[in-house]
Amino acid sequence: GGAVLARPADRIRLGNVIDLLEEGQPLVECFGTDGGDCSIDGQCRLKARLRSAERAFLADLDRSTLADIALPAMRMSA
């Protein structure tokens, strides 16, 4: 079993991984393709902030790679 990566783990950004794995699963209901069933849609002032927070979340994850979290840390020589 297992998986083979298409490129080295140190070139795979975590934000990209999460974005691909969560594709089609909106952060909140109103971000769905059908707009969800929100009773305050059209009046909500939170949606833009949530979109911004989602982008910031993925951007922060993009500062790290799969290698940063999945591979054993290298030991420093004394």
C-alpha atoms as a PDB file:
ATOM      1  CA  GLY A   1       0.000   0.000   0.000  1.00  0.00           C
ATOM      2  CA  GLY A   2       0.902   3.626   0.158  1.00  0.00           C
ATOM      3  CA  ALA A   3       1.129   6.479  -2.246  1.00  0.00           C
ATOM      4  CA  VAL A   4       3.747   7.948  -4.544  1.00  0.00           C
ATOM      5  CA  LEU A   5       4.124  11.713  -4.707  1.00  0.00           C
ATOM      6  CA  ALA A   6       4.245  13.396  -8.107  1.00  0.00           C
ATOM      7  CA  ARG A   7       7.008  15.710  -6.865  1.00  0.00           C
ATOM      8  CA  PRO A   8       9.308  15.904  -3.831  1.00  0.00           C
ATOM      9  CA  ALA A   9       7.602  16.537  -0.477  1.00  0.00           C
ATOM     10  CA  ASP A  10       9.613  19.733  -0.007  1.00  0.00           C
ATOM     11  CA  ARG A  11       7.936  21.179  -3.113  1.00  0.00           C
ATOM     12  CA  ILE A  12       4.350  20.423  -2.050  1.00  0.00           C
ATOM     13  CA  ARG A  13       2.768  23.313  -0.137  1.00  0.00           C
ATOM     14  CA  LEU A  14       0.312  22.446   2.642  1.00  0.00           C
ATOM     15  CA  GLY A  15      -2.211  25.051   1.513  1.00  0.00           C
ATOM     16  CA  ASN A  16      -2.385  23.343  -1.875  1.00  0.00           C
ATOM     17  CA  VAL A  17      -2.900  19.961  -0.223  1.00  0.00           C
ATOM     18  CA  ILE A  18      -5.769  21.242   1.946  1.00  0.00           C
ATOM     19  CA  ASP A  19      -7.303  23.134  -0.970  1.00  0.00           C
ATOM     20  CA  LEU A  20      -7.336  19.952  -3.079  1.00  0.00           C
ATOM     21  CA  LEU A  21      -8.559  17.668  -0.291  1.00  0.00           C
ATOM     22  CA  GLU A  22     -11.322  20.070   0.743  1.00  0.00           C
ATOM     23  CA  GLU A  23     -12.431  20.907  -2.807  1.00  0.00           C
ATOM     24  CA  GLY A  24     -16.210  21.000  -2.945  1.00  0.00           C
ATOM     25  CA  GLN A  25     -16.491  21.317   0.850  1.00  0.00           C
ATOM     26  CA  PRO A  26     -17.112  24.980   1.634  1.00  0.00           C
ATOM     27  CA  LEU A  27     -15.858  26.561   4.852  1.00  0.00           C
ATOM     28  CA  VAL A  28     -19.402  27.700   5.609  1.00  0.00           C
ATOM     29  CA  GLU A  29     -22.723  26.747   4.033  1.00  0.00           C
ATOM     30  CA  CYS A  30     -23.172  29.997   2.112  1.00  0.00           C
ATOM     31  CA  PHE A  31     -19.900  29.383   0.228  1.00  0.00           C
ATOM     32  CA  GLY A  32     -21.415  26.307  -1.422  1.00  0.00           C
ATOM     33  CA  THR A  33     -22.221  26.313  -5.126  1.00  0.00           C
ATOM     34  CA  ASP A  34     -25.949  26.508  -4.359  1.00  0.00           C
ATOM     35  CA  GLY A  35     -25.487  29.304  -1.803  1.00  0.00           C
ATOM     36  CA  GLY A  36     -26.778  27.163   1.036  1.00  0.00           C
ATOM     37  CA  ASP A  37     -29.889  27.919   3.017  1.00  0.00           C
ATOM     38  CA  CYS A  38     -28.867  31.101   4.801  1.00  0.00           C
ATOM     39  CA  SER A  39     -31.694  33.253   6.128  1.00  0.00           C
ATOM     40  CA  ILE A  40     -29.577  36.424   6.125  1.00  0.00           C
ATOM     41  CA  ASP A  41     -27.932  36.030   2.709  1.00  0.00           C
ATOM     42  CA  GLY A  42     -27.828  39.396   0.993  1.00  0.00           C
ATOM     43  CA  GLN A  43     -27.624  41.201   4.330  1.00  0.00           C
ATOM     44  CA  CYS A  44     -24.689  39.332   5.833  1.00  0.00           C
ATOM     45  CA  ARG A  45     -21.568  41.386   6.409  1.00  0.00           C
ATOM     46  CA  LEU A  46     -19.557  38.396   7.585  1.00  0.00           C
ATOM     47  CA  LYS A  47     -19.119  36.626   4.238  1.00  0.00           C
ATOM     48  CA  ALA A  48     -16.288  38.865   2.983  1.00  0.00           C
ATOM     49  CA  ARG A  49     -14.398  38.471   6.265  1.00  0.00           C
ATOM     50  CA  LEU A  50     -14.807  34.702   6.163  1.00  0.00           C
ATOM     51  CA  ARG A  51     -13.491  34.612   2.576  1.00  0.00           C
ATOM     52  CA  SER A  52     -10.521  36.704   3.678  1.00  0.00           C
ATOM     53  CA  ALA A  53      -9.907  34.417   6.667  1.00  0.00           C
ATOM     54  CA  GLU A  54     -10.071  31.353   4.424  1.00  0.00           C
ATOM     55  CA  ARG A  55      -7.481  32.854   2.051  1.00  0.00           C
ATOM     56  CA  ALA A  56      -5.245  33.800   5.011  1.00  0.00           C
ATOM     57  CA  PHE A  57      -5.559  30.258   6.416  1.00  0.00           C
ATOM     58  CA  LEU A  58      -4.436  28.680   3.138  1.00  0.00           C
ATOM     59  CA  ALA A  59      -1.687  31.279   2.648  1.00  0.00           C
ATOM     60  CA  ASP A  60      -0.327  30.522   6.117  1.00  0.00           C
ATOM     61  CA  LEU A  61      -0.339  26.795   5.361  1.00  0.00           C
ATOM     62  CA  ASP A  62       1.490  27.533   2.106  1.00  0.00           C
ATOM     63  CA  ARG A  63       4.432  28.758   4.185  1.00  0.00           C
ATOM     64  CA  SER A  64       5.086  25.087   5.029  1.00  0.00           C
ATOM     65  CA  THR A  65       5.618  22.023   2.901  1.00  0.00           C
ATOM     66  CA  LEU A  66       4.587  18.418   3.244  1.00  0.00           C
ATOM     67  CA  ALA A  67       8.204  17.635   4.140  1.00  0.00           C
ATOM     68  CA  ASP A  68       8.004  20.061   7.076  1.00  0.00           C
ATOM     69  CA  ILE A  69       5.323  17.977   8.757  1.00  0.00           C
ATOM     70  CA  ALA A  70       5.655  14.469   7.345  1.00  0.00           C
ATOM     71  CA  LEU A  71       9.347  13.693   7.313  1.00  0.00           C
ATOM     72  CA  PRO A  72      11.457  13.163  10.427  1.00  0.00           C
ATOM     73  CA  ALA A  73      13.232  16.321  11.545  1.00  0.00           C
ATOM     74  CA  MET A  74      16.916  16.357  10.708  1.00  0.00           C
ATOM     75  CA  ARG A  75      19.178  16.184  13.743  1.00  0.00           C
ATOM     76  CA  MET A  76      21.722  18.906  14.264  1.00  0.00           C
ATOM     77  CA  SER A  77      25.304  17.692  14.612  1.00  0.00           C
ATOM     78  CA  ALA A  78      27.144  18.868  17.723  1.00  0.00           C
END
